[in-house]
Amino acid sequence: MELKSINTCLNCENLLRDFICSTHQQKVEINNFCESHTYTDSITKDSSCTNCYHFGKESCSKPSEASETMICFDWKK
């Protein structure tokens, strides 16, 4: 069996912190999707702070909690 991903707000480049859609300026849920969806790399089992774009930078939303095993919704490749 092959598992596939679907286009949801979670893997959309318009998703901002706190689950706010930058296109529609509204809060979304993890299972929402829309016609304006623009795919971006999403979180996988290999995602962690150590391979996050924000790790060790001022843009990290959880600098005091960031560690090799932590993952958050701000993760970016």
PDB file of N, CA and C in Angstrom:
ATOM      1  N   MET A   1       0.847  -1.183   0.000  1.00  0.00           N
ATOM      2  CA  MET A   1       0.000   0.000   0.000  1.00  0.00           C
ATOM      3  C   MET A   1       0.888   1.240   0.000  1.00  0.00           C
ATOM      4  N   GLU A   2       0.578   2.174  -0.851  1.00  0.00           N
ATOM      5  CA  GLU A   2       1.319   3.430  -0.914  1.00  0.00           C
ATOM      6  C   GLU A   2       0.477   4.541  -0.295  1.00  0.00           C
ATOM      7  N   LEU A   3       1.046   5.270   0.629  1.00  0.00           N
ATOM      8  CA  LEU A   3       0.356   6.412   1.228  1.00  0.00           C
ATOM      9  C   LEU A   3       0.662   7.656   0.420  1.00  0.00           C
ATOM     10  N   LYS A   4      -0.344   8.466   0.196  1.00  0.00           N
ATOM     11  CA  LYS A   4      -0.168   9.690  -0.578  1.00  0.00           C
ATOM     12  C   LYS A   4      -0.610  10.890   0.251  1.00  0.00           C
ATOM     13  N   SER A   5      -0.039  12.032  -0.061  1.00  0.00           N
ATOM     14  CA  SER A   5      -0.435  13.270   0.594  1.00  0.00           C
ATOM     15  C   SER A   5      -1.507  13.954  -0.235  1.00  0.00           C
ATOM     16  N   ILE A   6      -2.330  14.730   0.429  1.00  0.00           N
ATOM     17  CA  ILE A   6      -3.331  15.509  -0.276  1.00  0.00           C
ATOM     18  C   ILE A   6      -3.032  16.986  -0.055  1.00  0.00           C
ATOM     19  N   ASN A   7      -3.565  17.818  -0.904  1.00  0.00           N
ATOM     20  CA  ASN A   7      -3.357  19.249  -0.756  1.00  0.00           C
ATOM     21  C   ASN A   7      -4.279  19.800   0.314  1.00  0.00           C
ATOM     22  N   THR A   8      -3.694  20.175   1.423  1.00  0.00           N
ATOM     23  CA  THR A   8      -4.433  20.819   2.497  1.00  0.00           C
ATOM     24  C   THR A   8      -3.693  22.095   2.865  1.00  0.00           C
ATOM     25  N   CYS A   9      -4.281  22.877   3.736  1.00  0.00           N
ATOM     26  CA  CYS A   9      -3.622  24.112   4.161  1.00  0.00           C
ATOM     27  C   CYS A   9      -2.274  23.834   4.818  1.00  0.00           C
ATOM     28  N   LEU A  10      -2.101  22.656   5.386  1.00  0.00           N
ATOM     29  CA  LEU A  10      -0.852  22.322   6.062  1.00  0.00           C
ATOM     30  C   LEU A  10       0.338  22.302   5.111  1.00  0.00           C
ATOM     31  N   ASN A  11       0.140  21.954   3.842  1.00  0.00           N
ATOM     32  CA  ASN A  11       1.261  21.950   2.903  1.00  0.00           C
ATOM     33  C   ASN A  11       1.098  23.040   1.833  1.00  0.00           C
ATOM     34  N   CYS A  12       0.512  24.150   2.223  1.00  0.00           N
ATOM     35  CA  CYS A  12       0.317  25.286   1.315  1.00  0.00           C
ATOM     36  C   CYS A  12       1.286  26.401   1.691  1.00  0.00           C
ATOM     37  N   GLU A  13       1.904  27.023   0.698  1.00  0.00           N
ATOM     38  CA  GLU A  13       2.855  28.093   0.999  1.00  0.00           C
ATOM     39  C   GLU A  13       2.177  29.357   1.521  1.00  0.00           C
ATOM     40  N   ASN A  14       0.861  29.426   1.450  1.00  0.00           N
ATOM     41  CA  ASN A  14       0.127  30.586   1.971  1.00  0.00           C
ATOM     42  C   ASN A  14      -0.153  30.494   3.469  1.00  0.00           C
ATOM     43  N   LEU A  15       0.189  29.356   4.086  1.00  0.00           N
ATOM     44  CA  LEU A  15      -0.077  29.171   5.507  1.00  0.00           C
ATOM     45  C   LEU A  15       0.967  29.893   6.341  1.00  0.00           C
ATOM     46  N   LEU A  16       0.495  30.733   7.258  1.00  0.00           N
ATOM     47  CA  LEU A  16       1.377  31.457   8.166  1.00  0.00           C
ATOM     48  C   LEU A  16       1.301  30.839   9.552  1.00  0.00           C
ATOM     49  N   ARG A  17       2.099  31.346  10.462  1.00  0.00           N
ATOM     50  CA  ARG A  17       2.061  30.878  11.842  1.00  0.00           C
ATOM     51  C   ARG A  17       0.652  31.011  12.397  1.00  0.00           C
ATOM     52  N   ASP A  18       0.343  30.205  13.348  1.00  0.00           N
ATOM     53  CA  ASP A  18      -0.988  30.200  13.983  1.00  0.00           C
ATOM     54  C   ASP A  18      -2.101  29.829  13.021  1.00  0.00           C
ATOM     55  N   PHE A  19      -1.756  29.107  11.940  1.00  0.00           N
ATOM     56  CA  PHE A  19      -2.738  28.621  10.965  1.00  0.00           C
ATOM     57  C   PHE A  19      -3.567  29.752  10.345  1.00  0.00           C
ATOM     58  N   ILE A  20      -2.912  30.827   9.974  1.00  0.00           N
ATOM     59  CA  ILE A  20      -3.566  31.932   9.281  1.00  0.00           C
ATOM     60  C   ILE A  20      -3.227  31.832   7.795  1.00  0.00           C
ATOM     61  N   CYS A  21      -4.242  31.913   6.946  1.00  0.00           N
ATOM     62  CA  CYS A  21      -4.040  31.902   5.506  1.00  0.00           C
ATOM     63  C   CYS A  21      -3.700  33.320   5.053  1.00  0.00           C
ATOM     64  N   SER A  22      -2.526  33.488   4.436  1.00  0.00           N
ATOM     65  CA  SER A  22      -2.114  34.822   3.997  1.00  0.00           C
ATOM     66  C   SER A  22      -2.902  35.307   2.781  1.00  0.00           C
ATOM     67  N   THR A  23      -3.509  34.397   2.047  1.00  0.00           N
ATOM     68  CA  THR A  23      -4.311  34.780   0.886  1.00  0.00           C
ATOM     69  C   THR A  23      -5.702  35.246   1.294  1.00  0.00           C
ATOM     70  N   HIS A  24      -6.335  34.496   2.207  1.00  0.00           N
ATOM     71  CA  HIS A  24      -7.711  34.799   2.593  1.00  0.00           C
ATOM     72  C   HIS A  24      -7.830  35.523   3.929  1.00  0.00           C
ATOM     73  N   GLN A  25      -6.686  35.721   4.607  1.00  0.00           N
ATOM     74  CA  GLN A  25      -6.658  36.437   5.879  1.00  0.00           C
ATOM     75  C   GLN A  25      -7.649  35.872   6.885  1.00  0.00           C
ATOM     76  N   GLN A  26      -7.627  34.547   7.030  1.00  0.00           N
ATOM     77  CA  GLN A  26      -8.499  33.906   8.003  1.00  0.00           C
ATOM     78  C   GLN A  26      -7.819  32.682   8.580  1.00  0.00           C
ATOM     79  N   LYS A  27      -8.250  32.278   9.753  1.00  0.00           N
ATOM     80  CA  LYS A  27      -7.710  31.092  10.411  1.00  0.00           C
ATOM     81  C   LYS A  27      -8.271  29.857   9.721  1.00  0.00           C
ATOM     82  N   VAL A  28      -7.411  28.864   9.532  1.00  0.00           N
ATOM     83  CA  VAL A  28      -7.826  27.623   8.890  1.00  0.00           C
ATOM     84  C   VAL A  28      -7.574  26.451   9.816  1.00  0.00           C
ATOM     85  N   GLU A  29      -8.193  25.347   9.529  1.00  0.00           N
ATOM     86  CA  GLU A  29      -7.997  24.119  10.293  1.00  0.00           C
ATOM     87  C   GLU A  29      -7.058  23.209   9.514  1.00  0.00           C
ATOM     88  N   ILE A  30      -6.550  22.207  10.180  1.00  0.00           N
ATOM     89  CA  ILE A  30      -5.552  21.316   9.583  1.00  0.00           C
ATOM     90  C   ILE A  30      -6.093  20.560   8.360  1.00  0.00           C
ATOM     91  N   ASN A  31      -7.401  20.365   8.263  1.00  0.00           N
ATOM     92  CA  ASN A  31      -7.974  19.619   7.141  1.00  0.00           C
ATOM     93  C   ASN A  31      -8.642  20.509   6.096  1.00  0.00           C
ATOM     94  N   ASN A  32      -8.481  21.826   6.175  1.00  0.00           N
ATOM     95  CA  ASN A  32      -9.053  22.725   5.171  1.00  0.00           C
ATOM     96  C   ASN A  32      -8.204  22.751   3.903  1.00  0.00           C
ATOM     97  N   PHE A  33      -8.844  23.111   2.801  1.00  0.00           N
ATOM     98  CA  PHE A  33      -8.148  23.327   1.539  1.00  0.00           C
ATOM     99  C   PHE A  33      -8.996  24.270   0.704  1.00  0.00           C
ATOM    100  N   CYS A  34      -8.401  24.841  -0.345  1.00  0.00           N
ATOM    101  CA  CYS A  34      -9.163  25.746  -1.209  1.00  0.00           C
ATOM    102  C   CYS A  34      -8.554  25.744  -2.601  1.00  0.00           C
ATOM    103  N   GLU A  35      -9.169  26.456  -3.520  1.00  0.00           N
ATOM    104  CA  GLU A  35      -8.710  26.520  -4.905  1.00  0.00           C
ATOM    105  C   GLU A  35      -7.437  27.344  -5.053  1.00  0.00           C
ATOM    106  N   SER A  36      -7.079  28.149  -4.054  1.00  0.00           N
ATOM    107  CA  SER A  36      -5.871  28.980  -4.123  1.00  0.00           C
ATOM    108  C   SER A  36      -4.643  28.246  -3.594  1.00  0.00           C
ATOM    109  N   HIS A  37      -4.787  26.959  -3.330  1.00  0.00           N
ATOM    110  CA  HIS A  37      -3.694  26.179  -2.755  1.00  0.00           C
ATOM    111  C   HIS A  37      -2.461  26.214  -3.645  1.00  0.00           C
ATOM    112  N   THR A  38      -1.309  26.508  -3.029  1.00  0.00           N
ATOM    113  CA  THR A  38      -0.025  26.464  -3.716  1.00  0.00           C
ATOM    114  C   THR A  38       0.873  25.557  -2.912  1.00  0.00           C
ATOM    115  N   TYR A  39       1.190  24.398  -3.470  1.00  0.00           N
ATOM    116  CA  TYR A  39       1.931  23.369  -2.754  1.00  0.00           C
ATOM    117  C   TYR A  39       3.325  23.830  -2.349  1.00  0.00           C
ATOM    118  N   THR A  40       3.736  23.437  -1.164  1.00  0.00           N
ATOM    119  CA  THR A  40       5.103  23.620  -0.700  1.00  0.00           C
ATOM    120  C   THR A  40       5.528  22.350   0.019  1.00  0.00           C
ATOM    121  N   ASP A  41       6.832  22.164   0.191  1.00  0.00           N
ATOM    122  CA  ASP A  41       7.297  20.992   0.925  1.00  0.00           C
ATOM    123  C   ASP A  41       6.683  20.986   2.310  1.00  0.00           C
ATOM    124  N   SER A  42       6.142  19.865   2.694  1.00  0.00           N
ATOM    125  CA  SER A  42       5.495  19.782   4.002  1.00  0.00           C
ATOM    126  C   SER A  42       6.331  18.966   4.970  1.00  0.00           C
ATOM    127  N   ILE A  43       5.895  18.939   6.189  1.00  0.00           N
ATOM    128  CA  ILE A  43       6.569  18.208   7.239  1.00  0.00           C
ATOM    129  C   ILE A  43       6.528  16.711   6.944  1.00  0.00           C
ATOM    130  N   THR A  44       7.653  16.046   7.150  1.00  0.00           N
ATOM    131  CA  THR A  44       7.725  14.606   6.973  1.00  0.00           C
ATOM    132  C   THR A  44       8.299  13.985   8.239  1.00  0.00           C
ATOM    133  N   LYS A  45       8.443  12.667   8.249  1.00  0.00           N
ATOM    134  CA  LYS A  45       8.998  11.993   9.417  1.00  0.00           C
ATOM    135  C   LYS A  45      10.462  12.365   9.630  1.00  0.00           C
ATOM    136  N   ASP A  46      11.120  12.899   8.620  1.00  0.00           N
ATOM    137  CA  ASP A  46      12.516  13.297   8.734  1.00  0.00           C
ATOM    138  C   ASP A  46      12.696  14.763   9.123  1.00  0.00           C
ATOM    139  N   SER A  47      11.613  15.506   9.270  1.00  0.00           N
ATOM    140  CA  SER A  47      11.689  16.920   9.629  1.00  0.00           C
ATOM    141  C   SER A  47      12.012  17.079  11.108  1.00  0.00           C
ATOM    142  N   SER A  48      12.878  18.018  11.414  1.00  0.00           N
ATOM    143  CA  SER A  48      13.192  18.362  12.803  1.00  0.00           C
ATOM    144  C   SER A  48      13.821  19.742  12.811  1.00  0.00           C
ATOM    145  N   CYS A  49      14.086  20.256  13.988  1.00  0.00           N
ATOM    146  CA  CYS A  49      14.716  21.573  14.081  1.00  0.00           C
ATOM    147  C   CYS A  49      16.057  21.612  13.345  1.00  0.00           C
ATOM    148  N   THR A  50      16.787  20.514  13.374  1.00  0.00           N
ATOM    149  CA  THR A  50      18.121  20.529  12.782  1.00  0.00           C
ATOM    150  C   THR A  50      18.120  20.714  11.271  1.00  0.00           C
ATOM    151  N   ASN A  51      17.032  20.378  10.590  1.00  0.00           N
ATOM    152  CA  ASN A  51      16.991  20.610   9.148  1.00  0.00           C
ATOM    153  C   ASN A  51      15.929  21.645   8.765  1.00  0.00           C
ATOM    154  N   CYS A  52      15.601  22.497   9.720  1.00  0.00           N
ATOM    155  CA  CYS A  52      14.634  23.578   9.496  1.00  0.00           C
ATOM    156  C   CYS A  52      15.379  24.861   9.112  1.00  0.00           C
ATOM    157  N   TYR A  53      14.856  25.582   8.174  1.00  0.00           N
ATOM    158  CA  TYR A  53      15.424  26.858   7.737  1.00  0.00           C
ATOM    159  C   TYR A  53      15.570  27.830   8.901  1.00  0.00           C
ATOM    160  N   HIS A  54      14.628  27.811   9.841  1.00  0.00           N
ATOM    161  CA  HIS A  54      14.613  28.772  10.945  1.00  0.00           C
ATOM    162  C   HIS A  54      15.553  28.415  12.095  1.00  0.00           C
ATOM    163  N   PHE A  55      16.082  27.191  12.141  1.00  0.00           N
ATOM    164  CA  PHE A  55      16.876  26.733  13.288  1.00  0.00           C
ATOM    165  C   PHE A  55      18.100  27.620  13.516  1.00  0.00           C
ATOM    166  N   GLY A  56      18.208  28.141  14.728  1.00  0.00           N
ATOM    167  CA  GLY A  56      19.335  28.987  15.097  1.00  0.00           C
ATOM    168  C   GLY A  56      19.254  30.413  14.596  1.00  0.00           C
ATOM    169  N   LYS A  57      18.119  30.791  14.007  1.00  0.00           N
ATOM    170  CA  LYS A  57      17.949  32.148  13.482  1.00  0.00           C
ATOM    171  C   LYS A  57      16.900  32.897  14.300  1.00  0.00           C
ATOM    172  N   GLU A  58      16.863  34.198  14.162  1.00  0.00           N
ATOM    173  CA  GLU A  58      15.873  35.017  14.866  1.00  0.00           C
ATOM    174  C   GLU A  58      14.450  34.683  14.430  1.00  0.00           C
ATOM    175  N   SER A  59      14.289  34.111  13.253  1.00  0.00           N
ATOM    176  CA  SER A  59      12.957  33.778  12.751  1.00  0.00           C
ATOM    177  C   SER A  59      12.372  32.533  13.416  1.00  0.00           C
ATOM    178  N   CYS A  60      13.165  31.818  14.218  1.00  0.00           N
ATOM    179  CA  CYS A  60      12.666  30.631  14.928  1.00  0.00           C
ATOM    180  C   CYS A  60      11.634  31.070  15.959  1.00  0.00           C
ATOM    181  N   SER A  61      10.451  30.495  15.899  1.00  0.00           N
ATOM    182  CA  SER A  61       9.377  30.897  16.810  1.00  0.00           C
ATOM    183  C   SER A  61       9.494  30.270  18.199  1.00  0.00           C
ATOM    184  N   LYS A  62      10.339  29.244  18.345  1.00  0.00           N
ATOM    185  CA  LYS A  62      10.495  28.562  19.634  1.00  0.00           C
ATOM    186  C   LYS A  62      11.986  28.351  19.942  1.00  0.00           C
ATOM    187  N   PRO A  63      12.781  29.412  19.996  1.00  0.00           N
ATOM    188  CA  PRO A  63      14.229  29.238  20.148  1.00  0.00           C
ATOM    189  C   PRO A  63      14.646  28.541  21.438  1.00  0.00           C
ATOM    190  N   SER A  64      13.920  28.736  22.511  1.00  0.00           N
ATOM    191  CA  SER A  64      14.312  28.098  23.775  1.00  0.00           C
ATOM    192  C   SER A  64      13.910  26.621  23.816  1.00  0.00           C
ATOM    193  N   GLU A  65      13.034  26.194  22.934  1.00  0.00           N
ATOM    194  CA  GLU A  65      12.576  24.814  22.892  1.00  0.00           C
ATOM    195  C   GLU A  65      13.194  24.019  21.747  1.00  0.00           C
ATOM    196  N   ALA A  66      13.797  24.692  20.794  1.00  0.00           N
ATOM    197  CA  ALA A  66      14.345  24.028  19.603  1.00  0.00           C
ATOM    198  C   ALA A  66      15.412  23.009  19.988  1.00  0.00           C
ATOM    199  N   SER A  67      15.285  21.819  19.417  1.00  0.00           N
ATOM    200  CA  SER A  67      16.253  20.754  19.670  1.00  0.00           C
ATOM    201  C   SER A  67      16.264  19.802  18.482  1.00  0.00           C
ATOM    202  N   GLU A  68      17.177  18.850  18.510  1.00  0.00           N
ATOM    203  CA  GLU A  68      17.311  17.909  17.396  1.00  0.00           C
ATOM    204  C   GLU A  68      16.056  17.092  17.147  1.00  0.00           C
ATOM    205  N   THR A  69      15.269  16.835  18.164  1.00  0.00           N
ATOM    206  CA  THR A  69      14.095  15.975  18.005  1.00  0.00           C
ATOM    207  C   THR A  69      12.785  16.741  17.927  1.00  0.00           C
ATOM    208  N   MET A  70      12.807  18.043  18.100  1.00  0.00           N
ATOM    209  CA  MET A  70      11.564  18.816  18.090  1.00  0.00           C
ATOM    210  C   MET A  70      11.123  19.127  16.663  1.00  0.00           C
ATOM    211  N   ILE A  71       9.824  19.187  16.476  1.00  0.00           N
ATOM    212  CA  ILE A  71       9.237  19.628  15.210  1.00  0.00           C
ATOM    213  C   ILE A  71       8.073  20.557  15.549  1.00  0.00           C
ATOM    214  N   CYS A  72       7.873  21.575  14.744  1.00  0.00           N
ATOM    215  CA  CYS A  72       6.751  22.496  14.981  1.00  0.00           C
ATOM    216  C   CYS A  72       6.142  22.867  13.630  1.00  0.00           C
ATOM    217  N   PHE A  73       5.072  23.608  13.649  1.00  0.00           N
ATOM    218  CA  PHE A  73       4.389  23.955  12.416  1.00  0.00           C
ATOM    219  C   PHE A  73       5.041  25.108  11.660  1.00  0.00           C
ATOM    220  N   ASP A  74       6.140  25.630  12.182  1.00  0.00           N
ATOM    221  CA  ASP A  74       6.888  26.664  11.461  1.00  0.00           C
ATOM    222  C   ASP A  74       8.032  26.055  10.657  1.00  0.00           C
ATOM    223  N   TRP A  75       8.137  24.706  10.667  1.00  0.00           N
ATOM    224  CA  TRP A  75       9.224  24.050   9.972  1.00  0.00           C
ATOM    225  C   TRP A  75       9.206  24.436   8.507  1.00  0.00           C
ATOM    226  N   LYS A  76      10.389  24.746   7.987  1.00  0.00           N
ATOM    227  CA  LYS A  76      10.519  25.135   6.571  1.00  0.00           C
ATOM    228  C   LYS A  76      11.817  24.556   6.032  1.00  0.00           C
ATOM    229  N   LYS A  77      11.762  24.012   4.842  1.00  0.00           N
ATOM    230  CA  LYS A  77      12.937  23.417   4.204  1.00  0.00           C
ATOM    231  C   LYS A  77      13.900  24.487   3.761  1.00  0.00           C
TER     232      LYS A  77
END
